[in-house]
Amino acid sequence: MKLLRKLKPFDRKTANLNVVIDTPKGCRNKYAFDFDLNGYVLKTVMPQGILFPFDFGSIPGTVAQDGDPLDALVLMDEPAFCGCLVQSRLLGVIEALQKEKDGKTERNDRLIAVAAESHTHAAIKSITDLDSNLLKEVENFFISYNQARGKKFKCLGRYGPKRAKRLVDKHRAR
């Protein structure tokens, strides 16, 4: 897994976003890569009925405000697997605040992307191309997911691919 430390956020040849899948679509278990252990660990199990709506992953080579890599939700034709590298096209970002159990509030934005090899979602180029009900469901998932863990998640706004790319560039690991 040394590859995760060496990967850049964007592929040099294609300019696609590199997303390493942590948790597959339809899963109740939330996995995360632990750099100290050099492997994936079970972070939490969500209550019955709360499932990841799409594949959820991390952007290598970035560090968000919470100290973890930036998060991305990836629309794909079929679920991937934990640790799978998926080259993706950035659609946008849901900017959000997350209030921790201890009362500390920090930004915890969610990038939205589509797998570069997706057939089903090939025509989608921006977050504005997505159905507004689908986006609301995604936002409600993050609200419910955090609520189940004793946290609060507040969506601040939805923005397109240019703003999302600036966010990735801003959070590149130094």
C-alpha atoms as a PDB file:
ATOM      1  CA  MET A   1       0.000   0.000   0.000  1.00  0.00           C
ATOM      2  CA  LYS A   2       2.980   2.306  -0.380  1.00  0.00           C
ATOM      3  CA  LEU A   3       1.230   3.257  -3.591  1.00  0.00           C
ATOM      4  CA  LEU A   4      -1.325   5.257  -1.575  1.00  0.00           C
ATOM      5  CA  ARG A   5       1.441   7.459  -0.216  1.00  0.00           C
ATOM      6  CA  LYS A   6       2.975   8.022  -3.660  1.00  0.00           C
ATOM      7  CA  LEU A   7      -0.149   8.627  -5.746  1.00  0.00           C
ATOM      8  CA  LYS A   8      -0.984  12.187  -6.730  1.00  0.00           C
ATOM      9  CA  PRO A   9      -4.566  13.503  -6.602  1.00  0.00           C
ATOM     10  CA  PHE A  10      -4.742  13.703 -10.400  1.00  0.00           C
ATOM     11  CA  ASP A  11      -3.430  11.254 -12.977  1.00  0.00           C
ATOM     12  CA  ARG A  12      -0.649  12.897 -14.964  1.00  0.00           C
ATOM     13  CA  LYS A  13      -1.687  11.399 -18.330  1.00  0.00           C
ATOM     14  CA  THR A  14      -5.475  11.690 -18.216  1.00  0.00           C
ATOM     15  CA  ALA A  15      -5.973  14.535 -15.679  1.00  0.00           C
ATOM     16  CA  ASN A  16      -8.607  12.314 -14.012  1.00  0.00           C
ATOM     17  CA  LEU A  17      -9.035  12.404 -10.248  1.00  0.00           C
ATOM     18  CA  ASN A  18      -7.517   9.398  -8.472  1.00  0.00           C
ATOM     19  CA  VAL A  19      -9.949   7.980  -5.923  1.00  0.00           C
ATOM     20  CA  VAL A  20      -9.068   4.997  -3.754  1.00  0.00           C
ATOM     21  CA  ILE A  21     -12.293   3.310  -2.666  1.00  0.00           C
ATOM     22  CA  ASP A  22     -12.614   2.881   1.093  1.00  0.00           C
ATOM     23  CA  THR A  23     -16.231   1.702   1.273  1.00  0.00           C
ATOM     24  CA  PRO A  24     -18.237   0.141  -1.581  1.00  0.00           C
ATOM     25  CA  LYS A  25     -21.764   1.148  -2.534  1.00  0.00           C
ATOM     26  CA  GLY A  26     -24.446  -0.633  -0.480  1.00  0.00           C
ATOM     27  CA  CYS A  27     -22.185  -1.327   2.494  1.00  0.00           C
ATOM     28  CA  ARG A  28     -23.024  -0.645   6.169  1.00  0.00           C
ATOM     29  CA  ASN A  29     -19.409  -1.022   7.231  1.00  0.00           C
ATOM     30  CA  LYS A  30     -17.242   2.093   6.954  1.00  0.00           C
ATOM     31  CA  TYR A  31     -13.616   1.263   6.209  1.00  0.00           C
ATOM     32  CA  ALA A  32     -10.622   3.587   6.256  1.00  0.00           C
ATOM     33  CA  PHE A  33      -6.965   3.173   5.385  1.00  0.00           C
ATOM     34  CA  ASP A  34      -4.708   3.322   8.439  1.00  0.00           C
ATOM     35  CA  PHE A  35      -1.251   4.539   7.409  1.00  0.00           C
ATOM     36  CA  ASP A  36       0.302   3.361  10.695  1.00  0.00           C
ATOM     37  CA  LEU A  37      -0.960  -0.195  10.180  1.00  0.00           C
ATOM     38  CA  ASN A  38      -0.513   0.024   6.412  1.00  0.00           C
ATOM     39  CA  GLY A  39      -3.929  -1.502   5.789  1.00  0.00           C
ATOM     40  CA  TYR A  40      -7.681  -1.015   5.875  1.00  0.00           C
ATOM     41  CA  VAL A  41      -9.527  -1.087   9.189  1.00  0.00           C
ATOM     42  CA  LEU A  42     -13.195  -1.163  10.116  1.00  0.00           C
ATOM     43  CA  LYS A  43     -13.990   2.349  11.333  1.00  0.00           C
ATOM     44  CA  THR A  44     -17.670   1.947  12.180  1.00  0.00           C
ATOM     45  CA  VAL A  45     -20.796  -0.070  11.434  1.00  0.00           C
ATOM     46  CA  MET A  46     -23.847   1.977  10.598  1.00  0.00           C
ATOM     47  CA  PRO A  47     -27.334   1.157  11.859  1.00  0.00           C
ATOM     48  CA  GLN A  48     -29.561  -1.137   9.829  1.00  0.00           C
ATOM     49  CA  GLY A  49     -30.986   0.726   6.839  1.00  0.00           C
ATOM     50  CA  ILE A  50     -28.123   3.218   6.441  1.00  0.00           C
ATOM     51  CA  LEU A  51     -26.037   2.149   3.456  1.00  0.00           C
ATOM     52  CA  PHE A  52     -23.501   4.016   1.379  1.00  0.00           C
ATOM     53  CA  PRO A  53     -25.439   5.220  -1.700  1.00  0.00           C
ATOM     54  CA  PHE A  54     -22.335   5.130  -3.943  1.00  0.00           C
ATOM     55  CA  ASP A  55     -18.724   4.064  -3.639  1.00  0.00           C
ATOM     56  CA  PHE A  56     -16.938   6.250  -1.079  1.00  0.00           C
ATOM     57  CA  GLY A  57     -13.235   6.905  -1.186  1.00  0.00           C
ATOM     58  CA  SER A  58     -10.218   9.038  -0.446  1.00  0.00           C
ATOM     59  CA  ILE A  59      -8.120  11.296  -2.630  1.00  0.00           C
ATOM     60  CA  PRO A  60      -4.459  10.292  -2.282  1.00  0.00           C
ATOM     61  CA  GLY A  61      -1.975  13.094  -1.848  1.00  0.00           C
ATOM     62  CA  THR A  62      -4.439  15.366  -0.023  1.00  0.00           C
ATOM     63  CA  VAL A  63      -4.987  16.321   3.594  1.00  0.00           C
ATOM     64  CA  ALA A  64      -8.319  17.840   4.626  1.00  0.00           C
ATOM     65  CA  GLN A  65      -9.014  19.966   7.710  1.00  0.00           C
ATOM     66  CA  ASP A  66      -9.790  16.812   9.732  1.00  0.00           C
ATOM     67  CA  GLY A  67      -6.308  15.422   9.002  1.00  0.00           C
ATOM     68  CA  ASP A  68      -7.589  12.681   6.671  1.00  0.00           C
ATOM     69  CA  PRO A  69      -7.463  12.684   2.866  1.00  0.00           C
ATOM     70  CA  LEU A  70     -10.310  14.490   1.099  1.00  0.00           C
ATOM     71  CA  ASP A  71     -13.446  12.356   0.698  1.00  0.00           C
ATOM     72  CA  ALA A  72     -15.193  11.558  -2.570  1.00  0.00           C
ATOM     73  CA  LEU A  73     -18.419   9.844  -3.493  1.00  0.00           C
ATOM     74  CA  VAL A  74     -18.028   8.090  -6.866  1.00  0.00           C
ATOM     75  CA  LEU A  75     -20.916   7.243  -9.171  1.00  0.00           C
ATOM     76  CA  MET A  76     -20.195   3.927 -10.900  1.00  0.00           C
ATOM     77  CA  ASP A  77     -22.065   1.265 -12.832  1.00  0.00           C
ATOM     78  CA  GLU A  78     -21.217  -1.438 -10.274  1.00  0.00           C
ATOM     79  CA  PRO A  79     -19.679  -1.274  -6.782  1.00  0.00           C
ATOM     80  CA  ALA A  80     -15.888  -1.478  -6.601  1.00  0.00           C
ATOM     81  CA  PHE A  81     -13.934  -3.023  -3.719  1.00  0.00           C
ATOM     82  CA  CYS A  82     -11.978  -1.675  -0.798  1.00  0.00           C
ATOM     83  CA  GLY A  83      -8.582  -0.398  -2.016  1.00  0.00           C
ATOM     84  CA  CYS A  84      -9.551  -0.179  -5.697  1.00  0.00           C
ATOM     85  CA  LEU A  85      -8.110   2.808  -7.573  1.00  0.00           C
ATOM     86  CA  VAL A  86     -10.831   4.440  -9.661  1.00  0.00           C
ATOM     87  CA  GLN A  87      -9.924   7.204 -12.068  1.00  0.00           C
ATOM     88  CA  SER A  88     -12.802   9.644 -11.950  1.00  0.00           C
ATOM     89  CA  ARG A  89     -14.111  12.865 -13.417  1.00  0.00           C
ATOM     90  CA  LEU A  90     -14.856  15.557 -10.847  1.00  0.00           C
ATOM     91  CA  LEU A  91     -18.485  16.696 -10.976  1.00  0.00           C
ATOM     92  CA  GLY A  92     -18.432  19.054  -8.031  1.00  0.00           C
ATOM     93  CA  VAL A  93     -18.452  19.348  -4.288  1.00  0.00           C
ATOM     94  CA  ILE A  94     -20.934  19.495  -1.441  1.00  0.00           C
ATOM     95  CA  GLU A  95     -19.333  21.922   0.987  1.00  0.00           C
ATOM     96  CA  ALA A  96     -20.225  21.136   4.581  1.00  0.00           C
ATOM     97  CA  LEU A  97     -19.525  21.751   8.247  1.00  0.00           C
ATOM     98  CA  GLN A  98     -19.234  18.842  10.634  1.00  0.00           C
ATOM     99  CA  LYS A  99     -19.678  19.236  14.373  1.00  0.00           C
ATOM    100  CA  GLU A 100     -17.853  16.572  16.357  1.00  0.00           C
ATOM    101  CA  LYS A 101     -19.057  15.001  19.618  1.00  0.00           C
ATOM    102  CA  ASP A 102     -16.690  17.285  21.557  1.00  0.00           C
ATOM    103  CA  GLY A 103     -18.329  20.368  19.995  1.00  0.00           C
ATOM    104  CA  LYS A 104     -15.454  21.142  17.624  1.00  0.00           C
ATOM    105  CA  THR A 105     -16.678  22.246  14.190  1.00  0.00           C
ATOM    106  CA  GLU A 106     -14.645  21.806  11.025  1.00  0.00           C
ATOM    107  CA  ARG A 107     -15.134  21.703   7.282  1.00  0.00           C
ATOM    108  CA  ASN A 108     -15.737  18.224   5.886  1.00  0.00           C
ATOM    109  CA  ASP A 109     -16.543  18.717   2.222  1.00  0.00           C
ATOM    110  CA  ARG A 110     -17.602  15.816  -0.007  1.00  0.00           C
ATOM    111  CA  LEU A 111     -16.339  15.672  -3.567  1.00  0.00           C
ATOM    112  CA  ILE A 112     -18.733  14.153  -6.085  1.00  0.00           C
ATOM    113  CA  ALA A 113     -17.227  12.321  -9.057  1.00  0.00           C
ATOM    114  CA  VAL A 114     -18.102   9.794 -11.733  1.00  0.00           C
ATOM    115  CA  ALA A 115     -15.888   6.874 -12.696  1.00  0.00           C
ATOM    116  CA  ALA A 116     -14.090   7.685 -15.953  1.00  0.00           C
ATOM    117  CA  GLU A 117     -15.078   4.225 -17.269  1.00  0.00           C
ATOM    118  CA  SER A 118     -18.768   4.517 -16.341  1.00  0.00           C
ATOM    119  CA  HIS A 119     -21.266   3.829 -19.114  1.00  0.00           C
ATOM    120  CA  THR A 120     -24.371   4.714 -17.111  1.00  0.00           C
ATOM    121  CA  HIS A 121     -23.090   8.110 -15.972  1.00  0.00           C
ATOM    122  CA  ALA A 122     -20.895   8.991 -18.999  1.00  0.00           C
ATOM    123  CA  ALA A 123     -22.970  12.040 -19.996  1.00  0.00           C
ATOM    124  CA  ILE A 124     -22.757  13.652 -16.555  1.00  0.00           C
ATOM    125  CA  LYS A 125     -20.178  16.459 -16.557  1.00  0.00           C
ATOM    126  CA  SER A 126     -21.203  18.588 -13.572  1.00  0.00           C
ATOM    127  CA  ILE A 127     -23.051  18.318 -10.274  1.00  0.00           C
ATOM    128  CA  THR A 128     -25.782  20.422 -11.930  1.00  0.00           C
ATOM    129  CA  ASP A 129     -26.422  17.516 -14.351  1.00  0.00           C
ATOM    130  CA  LEU A 130     -27.485  15.304 -11.425  1.00  0.00           C
ATOM    131  CA  ASP A 131     -31.119  15.056 -10.426  1.00  0.00           C
ATOM    132  CA  SER A 132     -31.801  17.439  -7.523  1.00  0.00           C
ATOM    133  CA  ASN A 133     -33.636  14.671  -5.627  1.00  0.00           C
ATOM    134  CA  LEU A 134     -30.554  12.436  -5.882  1.00  0.00           C
ATOM    135  CA  LEU A 135     -28.360  15.220  -4.485  1.00  0.00           C
ATOM    136  CA  LYS A 136     -30.806  15.780  -1.637  1.00  0.00           C
ATOM    137  CA  GLU A 137     -30.713  12.037  -0.856  1.00  0.00           C
ATOM    138  CA  VAL A 138     -26.894  12.116  -0.829  1.00  0.00           C
ATOM    139  CA  GLU A 139     -26.923  15.095   1.530  1.00  0.00           C
ATOM    140  CA  ASN A 140     -29.475  13.338   3.766  1.00  0.00           C
ATOM    141  CA  PHE A 141     -27.256  10.244   3.807  1.00  0.00           C
ATOM    142  CA  PHE A 142     -24.336  12.271   5.179  1.00  0.00           C
ATOM    143  CA  ILE A 143     -26.619  13.941   7.727  1.00  0.00           C
ATOM    144  CA  SER A 144     -27.971  10.541   8.896  1.00  0.00           C
ATOM    145  CA  TYR A 145     -24.545   8.891   8.831  1.00  0.00           C
ATOM    146  CA  ASN A 146     -23.088  11.581  11.068  1.00  0.00           C
ATOM    147  CA  GLN A 147     -26.152  11.705  13.321  1.00  0.00           C
ATOM    148  CA  ALA A 148     -25.808   7.962  13.969  1.00  0.00           C
ATOM    149  CA  ARG A 149     -22.242   8.651  15.143  1.00  0.00           C
ATOM    150  CA  GLY A 150     -23.239  11.522  17.455  1.00  0.00           C
ATOM    151  CA  LYS A 151     -22.115  14.249  15.039  1.00  0.00           C
ATOM    152  CA  LYS A 152     -23.881  16.960  13.075  1.00  0.00           C
ATOM    153  CA  PHE A 153     -23.414  17.525   9.356  1.00  0.00           C
ATOM    154  CA  LYS A 154     -24.595  20.765   7.765  1.00  0.00           C
ATOM    155  CA  CYS A 155     -24.526  21.263   4.007  1.00  0.00           C
ATOM    156  CA  LEU A 156     -23.350  24.754   3.044  1.00  0.00           C
ATOM    157  CA  GLY A 157     -23.775  24.520  -0.725  1.00  0.00           C
ATOM    158  CA  ARG A 158     -23.227  22.611  -3.949  1.00  0.00           C
ATOM    159  CA  TYR A 159     -20.635  23.721  -6.459  1.00  0.00           C
ATOM    160  CA  GLY A 160     -19.334  22.552  -9.816  1.00  0.00           C
ATOM    161  CA  PRO A 161     -16.122  20.910 -11.025  1.00  0.00           C
ATOM    162  CA  LYS A 162     -13.960  24.052 -11.142  1.00  0.00           C
ATOM    163  CA  ARG A 163     -14.524  24.796  -7.466  1.00  0.00           C
ATOM    164  CA  ALA A 164     -14.032  21.128  -6.613  1.00  0.00           C
ATOM    165  CA  LYS A 165     -10.683  21.082  -8.446  1.00  0.00           C
ATOM    166  CA  ARG A 166      -9.567  24.224  -6.578  1.00  0.00           C
ATOM    167  CA  LEU A 167     -10.459  22.451  -3.330  1.00  0.00           C
ATOM    168  CA  VAL A 168      -8.321  19.432  -4.258  1.00  0.00           C
ATOM    169  CA  ASP A 169      -5.432  21.699  -5.269  1.00  0.00           C
ATOM    170  CA  LYS A 170      -5.749  23.637  -1.990  1.00  0.00           C
ATOM    171  CA  HIS A 171      -5.526  20.436   0.071  1.00  0.00           C
ATOM    172  CA  ARG A 172      -2.620  18.765  -1.724  1.00  0.00           C
ATOM    173  CA  ALA A 173      -0.232  17.258   0.801  1.00  0.00           C
ATOM    174  CA  ARG A 174       2.938  19.288   1.093  1.00  0.00           C
END
